[in-house]
Structures are given as C-alpha cells and as structure tokens.
Amino acid sequence: MASALSAHGATVWLNGRDADSLQHAVDHCNAAGRSHGGSARALPFDVSNERATTQAVARVLAHSGRLDVLINNVGQRRRQPLSELPAQALRELLETNLVSAWHLCREAAAPMRAQGSGRIINITSIAGPIARAGDAAYTTSKGALEAMTRALAAELGPQGINVNAIAPGYFATETNAAMVDDPQTLAWLRQRSALGRWGQPHEIAGAAVFLASPAASYVTGQVLVVDGGYLAHF
C-alpha cells in the first residue's frame, strides 16, 4: 500500500518498531516513487504508546504542514479458544488492534478537520463479519474496528473527512508464511475462494490508492473487501 501511494506521488510516512525493517520499507517506497514525485520517510514509534503517537503526528505536521491520509494497518493476533484466553489478553489485543487506531484517528482528525478534508482508512479483516472457532479475540477486535469505521464516518463526514476500511482475505504475508507453505491450506483455499489462491501483498494496493484518491470522494463508511471472492464463494 505504501509503495503504491508513493508511486502515485504521495509523501508517505511509514511507521514501525524495528528500525532496520522500517528503513528497508522506506527505501523500497522511495524507489517506487522516484519517477512519480513520491517519497517516503521513517516514523518509528509504537502505536500502543499514546504519547509517542501524538508526537509522531506532530512531527508529520511540522514537516509537511498537513496530513491528508491515515492508514491504520497495525494488528496482532492470538489464536486461542475462550477457555484459554484470559480477559487481560483480550484487553492487550484490543489496545493494539482497536484503541491504538482510535487514538490515531483522533490525532489525525484534528488537522484534517482544520483543512476541511482528509481520508482515514482502517485495515480490518474478513474475520470481522465471519468467525471461526478458536479465534474469538481477533474477530472481536476486527469487528469492533469495522463498527468504529462506520461511527467515525458519520461523525467526521460533516468536516469533509472520509472514513472507510479495507478487509483483506487470505494474503501471503510474512505473518502467514507457515500457512502459505502448507499444501493442505492451499488445497482448502482453492476450494473455498472464487479465485482459488492466496492474495499477494501488492494486490491490496489498488484498494488503498482508490480510497485515498479523488475517485473515492463520495465514498465513506464502507468496507472494501479484498479477499479473492472468499465471502462470495460457498
């Protein structure tokens, strides 16, 4: 998503906690945007640290003078059944998956409100509208993030701020590496989804570019599902 936005001329501030991985991503985005006027900068901080989040937004504003798009793409997952997952573990998951996004939305909305425009894009999951056994905590957090998207769209729309979400399906990311290498998972996905394969990371980019662009100026409060037809195929 960041590389695609850079390739379309955006100045992208990338967040992460690992400095080396973050710099690698920044270099990749700069390469993608070099011939299109786009660029990228590192913005290292932990989204669960509210003070650091507030300072990060202030840094962006001090450098650029405005903030046009926020993409909340941080998430954690704990696959455990109800009997094995204590309430405190759920609280910690919600802090990362939901509360951190809430605080970032709150901080980003202030300059966007002053500008009279802005785009907020929350990355939810198909695990919001559907569920499976042993994954209740993650499903709960993503369902709440989807509800928050609609609520903020209603609240911030009068100030010219569009709030939408992208719900990915099964993507071949580093986090899912073990599942991607499992032949049984691939065989199941071939039967379960319309396109019958894993999504590749670059295939989420178009949704982000669209929702961040003028083409989506009248789109708000929506969840754009990018799942290879998983939800449509039974």
Protein backbone atom coordinates (compact mmCIF):
# COMPACT_ATOMS: atom_id res chain seq x y z
CA MET A 1 0.00 0.00 0.00
CA ALA A 2 2.76 2.42 0.93
CA SER A 3 4.74 1.71 -2.23
CA ALA A 4 1.66 2.19 -4.41
CA LEU A 5 0.82 5.51 -2.78
CA SER A 6 4.40 6.66 -3.25
CA ALA A 7 4.26 5.55 -6.88
CA HIS A 8 1.20 7.80 -7.26
CA GLY A 9 3.09 10.83 -5.99
CA ALA A 10 2.32 10.77 -2.28
CA THR A 11 4.71 11.64 0.52
CA VAL A 12 4.42 8.57 2.75
CA TRP A 13 5.40 8.36 6.41
CA LEU A 14 5.96 4.73 7.35
CA ASN A 15 5.57 3.52 10.90
CA GLY A 16 7.24 0.54 12.52
CA ARG A 17 9.08 -0.54 15.65
CA ASP A 18 12.11 -2.21 14.06
CA ALA A 19 14.44 0.44 12.63
CA ASP A 20 16.16 -1.85 10.10
CA SER A 21 12.94 -3.30 8.70
CA LEU A 22 11.40 0.15 8.59
CA GLN A 23 14.33 1.63 6.66
CA HIS A 24 14.17 -1.23 4.17
CA ALA A 25 10.49 -0.45 3.57
CA VAL A 26 11.24 3.26 3.23
CA ASP A 27 13.95 2.57 0.63
CA HIS A 28 11.51 0.38 -1.32
CA CYS A 29 8.86 3.11 -1.28
CA ASN A 30 11.35 5.76 -2.35
CA ALA A 31 12.37 3.60 -5.30
CA ALA A 32 8.73 3.16 -6.28
CA GLY A 33 8.03 6.88 -6.13
CA ARG A 34 11.25 8.22 -7.59
CA SER A 35 9.92 8.78 -11.12
CA HIS A 36 6.47 9.90 -9.97
CA GLY A 37 7.28 12.58 -7.41
CA GLY A 38 6.54 10.35 -4.44
CA SER A 39 8.76 9.79 -1.43
CA ALA A 40 8.85 8.06 1.94
CA ARG A 41 10.14 8.80 5.42
CA ALA A 42 10.55 6.66 8.51
CA LEU A 43 8.35 7.35 11.50
CA PRO A 44 9.39 4.85 14.19
CA PHE A 45 7.13 4.52 17.21
CA ASP A 46 4.89 2.02 18.99
CA VAL A 47 1.23 2.71 18.22
CA SER A 48 0.21 1.46 21.66
CA ASN A 49 2.14 4.38 23.18
CA GLU A 50 -0.29 7.31 23.03
CA ARG A 51 2.33 9.94 23.78
CA ALA A 52 4.58 8.64 21.00
CA THR A 53 1.61 8.60 18.61
CA THR A 54 0.74 12.22 19.38
CA GLN A 55 4.36 13.25 18.89
CA ALA A 56 4.56 11.38 15.58
CA VAL A 57 1.53 13.20 14.16
CA ALA A 58 3.02 16.49 15.34
CA ARG A 59 6.27 15.64 13.54
CA VAL A 60 4.43 14.99 10.26
CA LEU A 61 2.59 18.30 10.58
CA ALA A 62 5.77 20.20 11.43
CA HIS A 63 7.46 18.85 8.32
CA SER A 64 4.62 18.79 5.79
CA GLY A 65 2.14 21.30 7.18
CA ARG A 66 -0.80 18.96 6.56
CA LEU A 67 -1.99 15.37 6.83
CA ASP A 68 -4.24 14.05 4.08
CA VAL A 69 -4.43 10.29 4.60
CA LEU A 70 -4.14 7.96 7.58
CA ILE A 71 -3.97 4.19 7.11
CA ASN A 72 -4.29 2.15 10.29
CA ASN A 73 -2.57 -1.12 9.42
CA VAL A 74 -1.21 -2.39 12.73
CA GLY A 75 -2.59 -5.61 14.14
CA GLN A 76 -1.83 -8.56 16.38
CA ARG A 77 -3.42 -11.98 16.56
CA ARG A 78 -3.86 -14.61 19.27
CA ARG A 79 -5.49 -17.83 18.12
CA GLN A 80 -6.76 -19.35 21.35
CA PRO A 81 -10.13 -20.70 22.47
CA LEU A 82 -12.24 -18.87 25.02
CA SER A 83 -11.24 -21.24 27.83
CA GLU A 84 -7.53 -20.47 27.33
CA LEU A 85 -7.64 -16.72 26.71
CA PRO A 86 -7.95 -14.59 29.88
CA ALA A 87 -9.65 -11.21 29.81
CA GLN A 88 -6.33 -9.42 30.22
CA ALA A 89 -5.04 -10.97 27.00
CA LEU A 90 -8.13 -9.67 25.21
CA ARG A 91 -7.53 -6.21 26.68
CA GLU A 92 -3.96 -6.21 25.35
CA LEU A 93 -5.12 -7.29 21.90
CA LEU A 94 -7.79 -4.59 21.83
CA GLU A 95 -5.21 -1.97 22.86
CA THR A 96 -3.21 -2.73 19.72
CA ASN A 97 -5.94 -3.57 17.21
CA LEU A 98 -8.60 -1.09 18.26
CA VAL A 99 -7.58 1.53 20.83
CA SER A 100 -4.38 2.49 19.00
CA ALA A 101 -6.41 3.02 15.81
CA TRP A 102 -8.92 5.11 17.77
CA HIS A 103 -6.16 7.36 19.12
CA LEU A 104 -4.51 7.74 15.71
CA CYS A 105 -7.87 8.65 14.18
CA ARG A 106 -8.40 11.19 16.93
CA GLU A 107 -4.98 12.79 16.41
CA ALA A 108 -5.20 12.77 12.61
CA ALA A 109 -8.74 14.13 12.55
CA ALA A 110 -7.67 17.42 14.14
CA PRO A 111 -5.51 18.69 11.22
CA MET A 112 -7.88 17.12 8.69
CA ARG A 113 -10.77 19.00 10.27
CA ALA A 114 -8.79 22.24 10.03
CA GLN A 115 -8.07 21.53 6.35
CA GLY A 116 -11.67 20.63 5.65
CA SER A 117 -10.62 17.33 4.08
CA GLY A 118 -8.95 14.03 4.83
CA ARG A 119 -9.08 10.28 4.36
CA ILE A 120 -8.91 7.65 7.09
CA ILE A 121 -8.56 4.00 6.04
CA ASN A 122 -8.73 1.26 8.65
CA ILE A 123 -7.46 -2.21 7.77
CA THR A 124 -9.99 -4.63 9.20
CA SER A 125 -10.39 -8.25 8.06
CA ILE A 126 -12.90 -10.71 6.70
CA ALA A 127 -12.64 -12.04 10.25
CA GLY A 128 -14.92 -9.15 11.22
CA PRO A 129 -18.16 -10.28 9.54
CA ILE A 130 -17.39 -14.02 9.77
CA ALA A 131 -15.90 -16.13 12.53
CA ARG A 132 -14.19 -19.43 13.21
CA ALA A 133 -13.62 -21.40 16.40
CA GLY A 134 -10.55 -20.56 18.45
CA ASP A 135 -10.11 -17.02 17.13
CA ALA A 136 -12.70 -15.03 19.05
CA ALA A 137 -10.35 -12.30 20.33
CA TYR A 138 -9.08 -11.30 16.88
CA THR A 139 -12.55 -11.48 15.36
CA THR A 140 -13.89 -9.30 18.16
CA SER A 141 -11.19 -6.66 17.63
CA LYS A 142 -11.68 -6.53 13.86
CA GLY A 143 -15.46 -6.42 14.15
CA ALA A 144 -15.12 -3.50 16.55
CA LEU A 145 -12.75 -1.72 14.15
CA GLU A 146 -15.32 -2.11 11.37
CA ALA A 147 -18.02 -0.63 13.61
CA MET A 148 -15.68 2.22 14.56
CA THR A 149 -15.16 2.95 10.86
CA ARG A 150 -18.88 3.48 10.32
CA ALA A 151 -19.23 5.54 13.51
CA LEU A 152 -16.37 7.87 12.62
CA ALA A 153 -17.63 8.21 9.05
CA ALA A 154 -20.90 9.53 10.46
CA GLU A 155 -19.16 11.85 12.91
CA LEU A 156 -16.39 13.22 10.70
CA GLY A 157 -18.23 13.43 7.39
CA PRO A 158 -19.57 16.95 8.04
CA GLN A 159 -15.94 18.11 8.42
CA GLY A 160 -15.02 16.71 5.00
CA ILE A 161 -13.28 13.59 6.30
CA ASN A 162 -13.99 10.26 4.60
CA VAL A 163 -13.57 7.17 6.77
CA ASN A 164 -13.50 3.72 5.15
CA ALA A 165 -11.98 0.31 5.71
CA ILE A 166 -10.30 -2.42 3.72
CA ALA A 167 -10.98 -6.02 4.74
CA PRO A 168 -8.28 -8.36 3.40
CA GLY A 169 -8.80 -12.07 2.98
CA TYR A 170 -6.01 -14.65 2.84
CA PHE A 171 -2.78 -12.88 1.87
CA ALA A 172 0.66 -14.43 1.51
CA THR A 173 2.42 -12.18 4.00
CA GLU A 174 5.37 -12.93 6.27
CA THR A 175 2.95 -13.43 9.16
CA ASN A 176 1.16 -16.18 7.24
CA ALA A 177 4.34 -17.85 5.93
CA ALA A 178 3.71 -21.17 7.67
CA MET A 179 0.16 -21.38 6.29
CA VAL A 180 1.31 -20.34 2.81
CA ASP A 181 3.79 -23.24 2.75
CA ASP A 182 1.16 -25.75 3.87
CA PRO A 183 -0.21 -27.74 0.87
CA GLN A 184 -3.41 -28.61 2.74
CA THR A 185 -4.17 -24.94 3.37
CA LEU A 186 -3.67 -24.16 -0.31
CA ALA A 187 -5.89 -27.06 -1.34
CA TRP A 188 -8.60 -25.84 1.03
CA LEU A 189 -8.27 -22.25 -0.27
CA ARG A 190 -8.61 -23.45 -3.85
CA GLN A 191 -11.99 -24.91 -2.97
CA ARG A 192 -13.13 -22.19 -0.60
CA SER A 193 -12.43 -18.97 -2.55
CA ALA A 194 -13.58 -17.90 -6.00
CA LEU A 195 -10.07 -17.17 -7.28
CA GLY A 196 -8.69 -20.26 -5.57
CA ARG A 197 -5.35 -18.88 -4.41
CA TRP A 198 -3.54 -16.73 -1.89
CA GLY A 199 -3.59 -12.98 -2.43
CA GLN A 200 -0.21 -11.34 -2.99
CA PRO A 201 0.70 -8.25 -0.91
CA HIS A 202 0.75 -5.93 -3.92
CA GLU A 203 -2.88 -6.85 -4.66
CA ILE A 204 -4.14 -4.84 -1.69
CA ALA A 205 -2.55 -1.68 -3.09
CA GLY A 206 -5.29 -0.71 -5.54
CA ALA A 207 -7.92 -0.55 -2.81
CA ALA A 208 -5.79 1.81 -0.73
CA VAL A 209 -4.96 4.06 -3.69
CA PHE A 210 -8.63 4.23 -4.66
CA LEU A 211 -9.88 5.15 -1.18
CA ALA A 212 -7.12 7.74 -0.77
CA SER A 213 -7.78 9.33 -4.17
CA PRO A 214 -10.31 11.87 -5.51
CA ALA A 215 -12.05 8.93 -7.22
CA ALA A 216 -13.47 7.96 -3.80
CA SER A 217 -14.63 11.45 -2.83
CA TYR A 218 -18.23 10.29 -2.25
CA VAL A 219 -17.36 7.00 -0.58
CA THR A 220 -17.44 6.88 3.22
CA GLY A 221 -18.46 4.46 5.93
CA GLN A 222 -17.75 1.49 3.66
CA VAL A 223 -15.70 -1.69 3.98
CA LEU A 224 -13.97 -2.67 0.73
CA VAL A 225 -13.39 -6.42 0.84
CA VAL A 226 -10.30 -7.72 -0.98
CA ASP A 227 -10.50 -11.47 -0.49
CA GLY A 228 -10.37 -13.22 -3.85
CA GLY A 229 -14.05 -14.00 -3.56
CA TYR A 230 -13.83 -15.80 -0.22
CA LEU A 231 -17.02 -14.28 1.19
CA ALA A 232 -18.86 -14.70 -2.11
CA HIS A 233 -17.99 -18.37 -2.63
CA PHE A 234 -19.81 -21.17 -0.80
